[in-house]
Amino acid sequence: MKVFAWNPERSKDTVMTPYDSIKYHRLFTQAGFMAMDPLTGEVKAWVGGIDFKTFKYDHANLNTKRQVGSTIKPLLYGEAVEELNFTPETPVQDVQQNFGGGRLVPATGGTCTGRTMPMANALAWSRNCATAYIMKQVGPGKFVDFLQRIGVPTKVAPHPSIALGSCELSLFEMMWAYSMFGGRGFSTKPYYISRIEDRNGNVIKRFDYSANRREAISEATAYIMSRMMQGPVDKGTAAGLRARLGAAEMAGKTGTTNDNSDAWFMGFVPQLMGGVWVGSDDRFIRNEGAGGMGSSAARPIWEYFFKKVYANEDLGINKEDRFIEPPSLSNDAVSADPSSFVLDDSIEPSAAGEDLGVGSAEDYLLNNGEYIGPESAPIPEDPNKIKKPAKDTSNKKKVKEKPIGTPEEPKKRRAFLERYSEKKKIKG
């Protein structure tokens, strides 16, 4: 058979059983990617996986949901700015939070520093405990309502751990939600068909997508969050990204879920937004170590794409563009400019993929780690282990038993059905 391979032909002719070919293809790391205009919702790029010929599952689809990890944090921080009047300089506590009923977030407080820091620093370094503190102020129920209000169609349960991205959303939905930052407060559903024409250019159908835009947050909040998300791409979990691309302004956020099962990067510049998910179809297959984090697995894809975009002048994406500061921005919120506050370099990022209490790699081992051979390799019979039945020495009269499913059984059933049918005919 032919299987997928990383070569120019994208295939390799080999000998393999169907069962082993399934195992082989499931081990590949997949990726989903989307790029769109944050103002209009027009999709500019859509990559559902490695290769459609072999891997037909679309990882950018609305219904393809995975844990989003820390990429959900800007949504929570955005609600805190919008509804609780938080600013980038609002002090937050990097302490494990108790939501009652034994619900501790995060599950272990080993990564908590116990320090108080500005909210901008907590976002730049993706501090889990500080984010749990913000969730305590906002409330899980209100945050779930906020997600519905900004257009996320998936119904998220109001568990406190959703502050750290334990909920499952699709890349499509994350692009939809993040559009409110680059879209000046309006969240816009991504779309990829504006009209349908016949071969002569006559418009058969035109789609009005203005109805898919809704005001989610104020323009001031969108600007504050866009500026505050420059922290991760300058000094935080995606440090140096903006400098390498030479963009005047850029916003972004990394995300890594339990045991590196999912790696994310969401980012945008004034004219274009992109999102990346990386992982395996089976969640227990993952990239261990630093290479499986959002900053290492997903961010490079985003960076490579935007490097190509900036190099192509025909696209009209100018790296000198800046986010538009709204007139309504109060003087107290001018601190949204990252240059107005200092990111504390002594703060380390939270443990990416920190255990939220959903199990570890050992939970997936069968028979205490005993090796189980492939189905294509039949287990040979050991003649030494074949036991002969013991001789029956009792004097009981033997009754010959017919095993279930012998050839006589179908014959008897057919004979019965024929007699039954004849009786019904006679009665009629």
Protein backbone atom coordinates (compact mmCIF):
# COMPACT_ATOMS: atom_id res chain seq x y z
CA MET A 1 0.00 0.00 0.00
CA LYS A 2 0.94 3.67 -0.21
CA VAL A 3 1.18 5.65 3.03
CA PHE A 4 1.93 9.29 3.72
CA ALA A 5 5.58 10.30 4.05
CA TRP A 6 7.46 13.58 4.35
CA ASN A 7 8.99 13.52 0.88
CA PRO A 8 8.30 15.46 -2.35
CA GLU A 9 5.71 12.87 -3.44
CA ARG A 10 4.04 12.93 -0.01
CA SER A 11 3.73 9.15 -0.18
CA LYS A 12 5.71 5.95 0.18
CA ASP A 13 5.06 2.52 -1.31
CA THR A 14 5.45 -0.10 1.41
CA VAL A 15 4.09 -3.36 2.81
CA MET A 16 1.85 -2.87 5.82
CA THR A 17 -1.37 -4.28 7.22
CA PRO A 18 -4.43 -2.01 7.35
CA TYR A 19 -4.31 -2.07 11.16
CA ASP A 20 -0.66 -1.01 11.27
CA SER A 21 -1.26 1.69 8.66
CA ILE A 22 -3.91 3.21 10.92
CA LYS A 23 -1.47 3.25 13.84
CA TYR A 24 1.20 4.77 11.60
CA HIS A 25 -1.00 7.61 10.38
CA ARG A 26 -2.37 8.39 13.86
CA LEU A 27 1.13 9.17 15.11
CA PHE A 28 1.55 12.23 12.91
CA THR A 29 1.41 15.67 14.50
CA GLN A 30 -1.39 17.66 12.89
CA ALA A 31 -1.97 21.40 12.56
CA GLY A 32 -4.86 23.74 11.85
CA PHE A 33 -4.34 27.31 10.64
CA MET A 34 -6.59 30.26 9.80
CA ALA A 35 -5.96 33.85 8.74
CA MET A 36 -8.67 36.49 8.42
CA ASP A 37 -9.35 40.19 8.28
CA PRO A 38 -10.37 41.08 11.86
CA LEU A 39 -12.58 43.96 10.69
CA THR A 40 -14.59 42.25 7.94
CA GLY A 41 -14.26 38.55 8.86
CA GLU A 42 -12.97 37.62 5.38
CA VAL A 43 -10.96 34.39 5.58
CA LYS A 44 -7.61 34.77 3.82
CA ALA A 45 -6.14 31.32 4.53
CA TRP A 46 -7.52 28.02 5.81
CA VAL A 47 -5.41 24.92 6.43
CA GLY A 48 -7.21 21.94 7.91
CA GLY A 49 -4.32 19.49 8.20
CA ILE A 50 -1.20 17.99 6.68
CA ASP A 51 -2.50 16.64 3.40
CA PHE A 52 -6.11 16.26 2.29
CA LYS A 53 -5.41 13.16 0.22
CA THR A 54 -4.46 11.18 3.32
CA PHE A 55 -5.78 13.22 6.24
CA LYS A 56 -9.28 14.44 5.45
CA TYR A 57 -10.14 15.61 8.97
CA ASP A 58 -10.40 19.42 9.06
CA HIS A 59 -8.74 20.83 12.20
CA ALA A 60 -9.91 24.40 11.53
CA ASN A 61 -13.58 23.46 11.31
CA LEU A 62 -16.19 24.94 13.64
CA ASN A 63 -16.97 21.49 15.06
CA THR A 64 -13.35 20.45 15.71
CA LYS A 65 -12.89 21.34 19.37
CA ARG A 66 -9.82 21.00 21.56
CA GLN A 67 -8.73 22.42 24.90
CA VAL A 68 -7.62 25.99 24.28
CA GLY A 69 -5.21 26.45 27.18
CA SER A 70 -3.90 29.93 27.91
CA THR A 71 -5.25 31.42 24.67
CA ILE A 72 -8.52 31.93 26.56
CA LYS A 73 -6.85 34.29 29.05
CA PRO A 74 -7.14 37.45 26.91
CA LEU A 75 -10.91 36.86 26.76
CA LEU A 76 -11.09 36.74 30.55
CA TYR A 77 -8.79 39.73 30.95
CA GLY A 78 -10.89 41.58 28.37
CA GLU A 79 -14.03 41.06 30.46
CA ALA A 80 -12.19 42.30 33.56
CA VAL A 81 -11.21 45.48 31.69
CA GLU A 82 -14.68 45.92 30.23
CA GLU A 83 -16.84 45.22 33.27
CA LEU A 84 -14.61 45.65 36.33
CA ASN A 85 -12.59 48.63 35.04
CA PHE A 86 -9.29 46.77 35.36
CA THR A 87 -6.29 48.37 33.68
CA PRO A 88 -2.92 46.87 32.69
CA GLU A 89 -1.55 48.20 35.98
CA THR A 90 -4.27 46.72 38.21
CA PRO A 91 -2.50 44.57 40.85
CA VAL A 92 -3.43 40.87 40.83
CA GLN A 93 -2.33 38.12 43.23
CA ASP A 94 -0.38 35.17 41.88
CA VAL A 95 -1.90 32.80 44.42
CA GLN A 96 -3.82 29.53 44.06
CA GLN A 97 -7.55 30.24 44.36
CA ASN A 98 -10.21 28.28 46.24
CA PHE A 99 -13.64 28.40 44.61
CA GLY A 100 -15.29 26.26 47.31
CA GLY A 101 -16.25 22.61 47.30
CA GLY A 102 -12.62 21.55 46.99
CA ARG A 103 -12.25 23.35 43.65
CA LEU A 104 -8.70 24.68 43.60
CA VAL A 105 -7.38 26.50 40.53
CA PRO A 106 -4.83 25.55 39.42
CA ALA A 107 -4.98 22.00 40.78
CA THR A 108 -1.57 22.42 42.42
CA GLY A 109 -0.05 25.67 43.63
CA GLY A 110 3.52 24.71 42.84
CA THR A 111 3.90 27.38 40.15
CA CYS A 112 2.37 30.21 42.19
CA THR A 113 4.87 32.87 43.21
CA GLY A 114 2.67 34.35 45.93
CA ARG A 115 3.52 37.79 44.59
CA THR A 116 1.34 40.70 43.56
CA MET A 117 1.97 41.95 40.03
CA PRO A 118 0.33 44.19 37.41
CA MET A 119 -2.23 42.46 35.25
CA ALA A 120 -0.09 43.21 32.16
CA ASN A 121 2.75 41.16 33.63
CA ALA A 122 0.41 38.29 34.48
CA LEU A 123 -0.72 38.17 30.84
CA ALA A 124 2.77 38.52 29.36
CA TRP A 125 4.12 35.65 31.45
CA SER A 126 0.84 33.68 31.32
CA ARG A 127 0.64 33.31 35.08
CA ASN A 128 -1.98 30.65 35.90
CA CYS A 129 -2.49 31.58 39.54
CA ALA A 130 -2.91 35.29 38.77
CA THR A 131 -5.44 34.38 36.08
CA ALA A 132 -7.35 32.27 38.62
CA TYR A 133 -7.42 35.37 40.85
CA ILE A 134 -8.97 37.39 38.02
CA MET A 135 -11.54 34.63 37.48
CA LYS A 136 -12.41 34.88 41.18
CA GLN A 137 -13.19 38.58 40.68
CA VAL A 138 -15.18 38.06 37.46
CA GLY A 139 -16.97 34.82 38.39
CA PRO A 140 -17.21 31.65 36.24
CA GLY A 141 -20.91 32.20 35.49
CA LYS A 142 -20.41 35.76 34.26
CA PHE A 143 -17.44 34.69 32.15
CA VAL A 144 -19.54 32.00 30.45
CA ASP A 145 -22.20 34.63 29.72
CA PHE A 146 -19.48 36.88 28.30
CA LEU A 147 -18.31 34.11 25.94
CA GLN A 148 -21.86 33.71 24.64
CA ARG A 149 -22.22 37.47 24.23
CA ILE A 150 -19.11 37.83 22.10
CA GLY A 151 -20.32 35.11 19.74
CA VAL A 152 -18.79 31.82 20.90
CA PRO A 153 -21.46 29.24 19.89
CA THR A 154 -20.21 26.37 22.10
CA LYS A 155 -21.93 26.19 25.47
CA VAL A 156 -19.15 26.26 28.05
CA ALA A 157 -19.81 24.91 31.55
CA PRO A 158 -19.05 27.47 34.30
CA HIS A 159 -16.19 25.58 35.91
CA PRO A 160 -13.50 27.80 37.50
CA SER A 161 -10.79 25.93 35.56
CA ILE A 162 -11.98 27.42 32.27
CA ALA A 163 -9.89 30.45 33.25
CA LEU A 164 -6.87 28.32 32.31
CA GLY A 165 -8.45 26.95 29.13
CA SER A 166 -9.82 23.60 30.27
CA CYS A 167 -12.85 24.09 28.00
CA GLU A 168 -12.88 22.87 24.41
CA LEU A 169 -13.37 25.29 21.54
CA SER A 170 -12.53 25.18 17.85
CA LEU A 171 -9.92 27.27 16.08
CA PHE A 172 -12.80 28.80 14.11
CA GLU A 173 -14.43 29.93 17.37
CA MET A 174 -11.16 31.31 18.77
CA MET A 175 -10.70 33.41 15.62
CA TRP A 176 -14.29 34.57 15.98
CA ALA A 177 -13.73 35.60 19.61
CA TYR A 178 -10.33 37.25 19.06
CA SER A 179 -11.73 39.35 16.22
CA MET A 180 -13.22 41.72 18.81
CA PHE A 181 -9.71 42.94 19.69
CA GLY A 182 -8.52 43.69 16.17
CA GLY A 183 -12.09 44.58 15.12
CA ARG A 184 -12.26 47.58 17.47
CA GLY A 185 -14.77 45.99 19.79
CA PHE A 186 -16.86 44.11 17.21
CA SER A 187 -16.67 40.31 17.04
CA THR A 188 -17.12 39.02 13.51
CA LYS A 189 -17.90 35.49 12.37
CA PRO A 190 -15.32 34.33 9.79
CA TYR A 191 -16.70 33.82 6.27
CA TYR A 192 -15.19 32.68 2.97
CA ILE A 193 -17.93 33.16 0.36
CA SER A 194 -19.11 36.70 -0.46
CA ARG A 195 -21.10 35.94 -3.61
CA ILE A 196 -21.84 33.26 -6.20
CA GLU A 197 -21.61 34.08 -9.90
CA ASP A 198 -22.39 32.13 -13.07
CA ARG A 199 -19.86 31.68 -15.86
CA ASN A 200 -20.83 35.05 -17.38
CA GLY A 201 -20.21 36.95 -14.19
CA ASN A 202 -23.87 37.40 -13.27
CA VAL A 203 -24.37 37.41 -9.51
CA ILE A 204 -26.66 34.55 -8.51
CA LYS A 205 -26.40 35.06 -4.77
CA ARG A 206 -24.82 37.73 -2.61
CA PHE A 207 -24.21 37.19 1.10
CA ASP A 208 -24.59 40.04 3.54
CA TYR A 209 -22.30 39.33 6.46
CA SER A 210 -22.91 42.60 8.29
CA ALA A 211 -25.42 40.65 10.40
CA ASN A 212 -22.55 38.47 11.66
CA ARG A 213 -20.88 41.43 13.37
CA ARG A 214 -21.88 42.32 16.90
CA GLU A 215 -20.54 44.80 19.40
CA ALA A 216 -18.86 42.71 22.08
CA ILE A 217 -16.72 45.19 24.01
CA SER A 218 -16.02 48.90 23.83
CA GLU A 219 -13.49 50.25 21.38
CA ALA A 220 -11.40 51.44 24.34
CA THR A 221 -11.27 47.92 25.85
CA ALA A 222 -10.31 46.44 22.47
CA TYR A 223 -7.45 48.92 22.15
CA ILE A 224 -6.23 48.34 25.72
CA MET A 225 -6.19 44.57 25.22
CA SER A 226 -4.48 44.84 21.83
CA ARG A 227 -1.71 46.94 23.36
CA MET A 228 -1.46 44.74 26.45
CA MET A 229 -1.09 41.61 24.30
CA GLN A 230 2.10 43.10 22.94
CA GLY A 231 3.73 41.96 26.19
CA PRO A 232 3.78 38.25 25.24
CA VAL A 233 5.33 38.93 21.80
CA ASP A 234 7.93 41.34 23.18
CA LYS A 235 9.20 39.83 26.43
CA GLY A 236 6.75 37.13 27.47
CA THR A 237 6.01 33.59 26.33
CA ALA A 238 6.57 34.50 22.63
CA ALA A 239 9.48 36.87 23.31
CA GLY A 240 11.09 38.55 20.32
CA LEU A 241 8.37 37.71 17.79
CA ARG A 242 7.46 41.33 17.01
CA ALA A 243 11.11 42.35 16.73
CA ARG A 244 11.96 39.50 14.36
CA LEU A 245 9.11 40.43 12.03
CA GLY A 246 9.77 44.16 12.35
CA ALA A 247 6.13 45.03 13.04
CA ALA A 248 5.37 48.40 14.59
CA GLU A 249 2.60 46.89 16.68
CA MET A 250 1.50 43.30 17.23
CA ALA A 251 -0.59 41.34 19.71
CA GLY A 252 -0.45 37.65 20.52
CA LYS A 253 -0.91 34.87 23.04
CA THR A 254 0.49 31.35 23.37
CA GLY A 255 -1.41 28.38 24.76
CA THR A 256 -0.39 24.91 25.95
CA THR A 257 -2.74 22.34 27.50
CA ASN A 258 -2.25 19.41 29.88
CA ASP A 259 0.84 17.35 29.07
CA ASN A 260 1.38 19.31 25.82
CA SER A 261 -1.64 17.69 24.16
CA ASP A 262 -2.47 20.97 22.40
CA ALA A 263 -0.26 23.87 21.34
CA TRP A 264 -1.78 27.19 20.29
CA PHE A 265 -0.79 30.62 19.11
CA MET A 266 -3.27 33.41 18.41
CA GLY A 267 -1.95 36.71 17.10
CA PHE A 268 -2.84 39.74 15.03
CA VAL A 269 -1.59 42.99 13.55
CA PRO A 270 -3.91 45.88 12.61
CA GLN A 271 -4.79 44.45 9.17
CA LEU A 272 -4.59 40.68 9.64
CA MET A 273 -5.19 38.02 12.27
CA GLY A 274 -3.98 34.41 12.39
CA GLY A 275 -4.48 31.40 14.62
CA VAL A 276 -2.61 28.09 14.90
CA TRP A 277 -3.41 24.82 16.64
CA VAL A 278 -0.91 21.93 16.76
CA GLY A 279 -1.46 18.47 18.23
CA SER A 280 -2.33 14.86 17.47
CA ASP A 281 -5.77 13.46 16.78
CA ASP A 282 -5.32 11.18 19.81
CA ARG A 283 -4.69 13.41 22.81
CA PHE A 284 -2.47 10.95 24.65
CA ILE A 285 0.02 11.28 21.77
CA ARG A 286 1.92 14.50 22.34
CA ASN A 287 5.20 16.31 21.91
CA GLU A 288 7.03 16.07 25.21
CA GLY A 289 9.20 18.83 26.66
CA ALA A 290 9.64 22.42 25.54
CA GLY A 291 9.15 21.45 21.88
CA GLY A 292 5.48 20.74 22.51
CA MET A 293 4.59 24.14 23.96
CA GLY A 294 2.63 26.78 22.10
CA SER A 295 5.68 29.01 21.82
CA SER A 296 7.70 26.21 20.19
CA ALA A 297 5.14 24.18 18.21
CA ALA A 298 2.50 26.71 17.08
CA ARG A 299 4.21 30.13 17.14
CA PRO A 300 6.79 29.25 14.40
CA ILE A 301 3.97 28.45 11.94
CA TRP A 302 2.36 31.83 12.60
CA GLU A 303 5.72 33.61 12.32
CA TYR A 304 6.60 31.86 9.02
CA PHE A 305 3.24 32.83 7.50
CA PHE A 306 3.42 36.48 8.54
CA LYS A 307 7.02 36.74 7.35
CA LYS A 308 5.79 35.68 3.90
CA VAL A 309 2.88 38.14 4.13
CA TYR A 310 5.14 41.09 4.92
CA ALA A 311 7.51 40.10 2.10
CA ASN A 312 4.68 40.21 -0.47
CA GLU A 313 3.96 43.88 -1.21
CA ASP A 314 1.01 42.98 -3.42
CA LEU A 315 -0.98 41.99 -0.33
CA GLY A 316 -0.90 45.52 1.06
CA ILE A 317 -0.18 44.45 4.65
CA ASN A 318 2.04 47.20 6.02
CA LYS A 319 4.26 46.37 8.99
CA GLU A 320 4.27 50.05 9.99
CA ASP A 321 0.51 50.10 10.68
CA ARG A 322 -0.57 50.72 14.26
CA PHE A 323 -3.72 50.03 16.26
CA ILE A 324 -6.01 53.06 16.19
CA GLU A 325 -6.37 54.71 19.58
CA PRO A 326 -10.04 55.60 20.15
CA PRO A 327 -10.99 59.14 21.19
CA SER A 328 -12.94 57.70 24.14
CA LEU A 329 -9.80 56.33 25.78
CA SER A 330 -9.51 57.92 29.22
CA ASN A 331 -6.26 59.32 30.52
CA ASP A 332 -6.14 56.61 33.20
CA ALA A 333 -6.07 53.91 30.53
CA VAL A 334 -3.21 55.38 28.50
CA SER A 335 -1.03 52.88 30.37
CA ALA A 336 -2.20 50.40 27.73
CA ASP A 337 0.97 51.44 25.93
CA PRO A 338 3.48 48.70 26.87
CA SER A 339 6.25 51.28 26.97
CA SER A 340 4.55 52.92 29.95
CA PHE A 341 5.09 49.95 32.26
CA VAL A 342 8.06 47.68 32.81
CA LEU A 343 7.71 43.94 32.35
CA ASP A 344 9.38 42.23 35.29
CA ASP A 345 12.03 39.93 33.79
CA SER A 346 12.37 38.06 37.08
CA ILE A 347 8.91 36.55 36.60
CA GLU A 348 8.96 33.19 34.86
CA PRO A 349 6.16 31.81 32.70
CA SER A 350 3.72 29.42 34.35
CA ALA A 351 4.38 25.74 33.74
CA ALA A 352 3.04 25.19 30.25
CA GLY A 353 0.68 22.25 30.21
CA GLU A 354 0.37 22.39 33.99
CA ASP A 355 -1.63 19.45 35.34
CA LEU A 356 -5.24 20.44 35.89
CA GLY A 357 -6.14 17.08 37.36
CA VAL A 358 -7.25 15.16 34.27
CA GLY A 359 -4.66 12.39 34.36
CA SER A 360 -1.17 11.67 33.15
CA ALA A 361 0.57 9.49 30.57
CA GLU A 362 0.58 6.51 32.96
CA ASP A 363 -3.22 6.46 32.97
CA TYR A 364 -3.20 5.32 29.34
CA LEU A 365 -0.94 2.30 29.84
CA LEU A 366 -2.59 -1.10 29.59
CA ASN A 367 -1.76 -4.14 31.72
CA ASN A 368 0.80 -2.19 33.75
CA GLY A 369 2.84 -1.35 30.69
CA GLU A 370 2.95 -4.90 29.30
CA TYR A 371 3.88 -4.88 25.62
CA ILE A 372 0.98 -5.74 23.33
CA GLY A 373 2.08 -6.78 19.84
CA PRO A 374 0.44 -5.52 16.66
CA GLU A 375 -2.69 -7.24 15.45
CA SER A 376 -0.86 -8.17 12.26
CA ALA A 377 1.47 -10.46 14.24
CA PRO A 378 -0.62 -13.47 15.37
CA ILE A 379 0.39 -15.07 18.64
CA PRO A 380 1.77 -18.59 17.90
CA GLU A 381 0.31 -21.48 19.82
CA ASP A 382 2.61 -23.03 22.38
CA PRO A 383 2.18 -26.82 22.12
CA ASN A 384 3.48 -27.22 25.68
CA LYS A 385 0.58 -25.17 27.03
CA ILE A 386 -2.19 -27.15 25.32
CA LYS A 387 -3.95 -29.12 28.01
CA LYS A 388 -5.86 -32.32 27.27
CA PRO A 389 -9.26 -32.64 28.94
CA ALA A 390 -9.22 -34.79 32.05
CA LYS A 391 -10.71 -38.24 31.71
CA ASP A 392 -14.20 -38.45 33.25
CA THR A 393 -14.33 -41.46 35.56
CA SER A 394 -17.90 -40.92 36.78
CA ASN A 395 -20.63 -43.52 36.01
CA LYS A 396 -23.19 -40.90 34.95
CA LYS A 397 -24.87 -41.52 31.65
CA LYS A 398 -23.50 -39.16 29.06
CA VAL A 399 -25.91 -37.03 27.08
CA LYS A 400 -24.56 -35.95 23.78
CA GLU A 401 -24.85 -32.16 23.61
CA LYS A 402 -24.96 -30.29 20.36
CA PRO A 403 -23.06 -27.05 20.40
CA ILE A 404 -24.99 -23.87 19.70
CA GLY A 405 -24.86 -22.88 16.09
CA THR A 406 -24.45 -26.35 14.59
CA PRO A 407 -25.69 -26.92 11.01
CA GLU A 408 -28.80 -28.69 12.39
CA GLU A 409 -30.09 -25.50 14.03
CA PRO A 410 -30.83 -23.51 10.86
CA LYS A 411 -32.55 -26.55 9.32
CA LYS A 412 -34.86 -26.88 12.32
CA ARG A 413 -35.72 -23.18 12.22
CA ARG A 414 -36.53 -23.32 8.52
CA ALA A 415 -38.73 -26.40 8.99
CA PHE A 416 -40.60 -24.67 11.83
CA LEU A 417 -41.16 -21.49 9.80
CA GLU A 418 -42.45 -23.50 6.84
CA ARG A 419 -44.95 -25.38 9.04
CA TYR A 420 -46.01 -22.11 10.71
CA SER A 421 -46.58 -20.46 7.33
CA GLU A 422 -48.69 -23.39 6.10
CA LYS A 423 -50.89 -23.19 9.21
CA LYS A 424 -51.49 -19.47 8.67
CA LYS A 425 -52.47 -20.11 5.06
CA ILE A 426 -54.96 -22.83 6.10
CA LYS A 427 -56.46 -20.55 8.78
CA GLY A 428 -56.86 -17.74 6.28
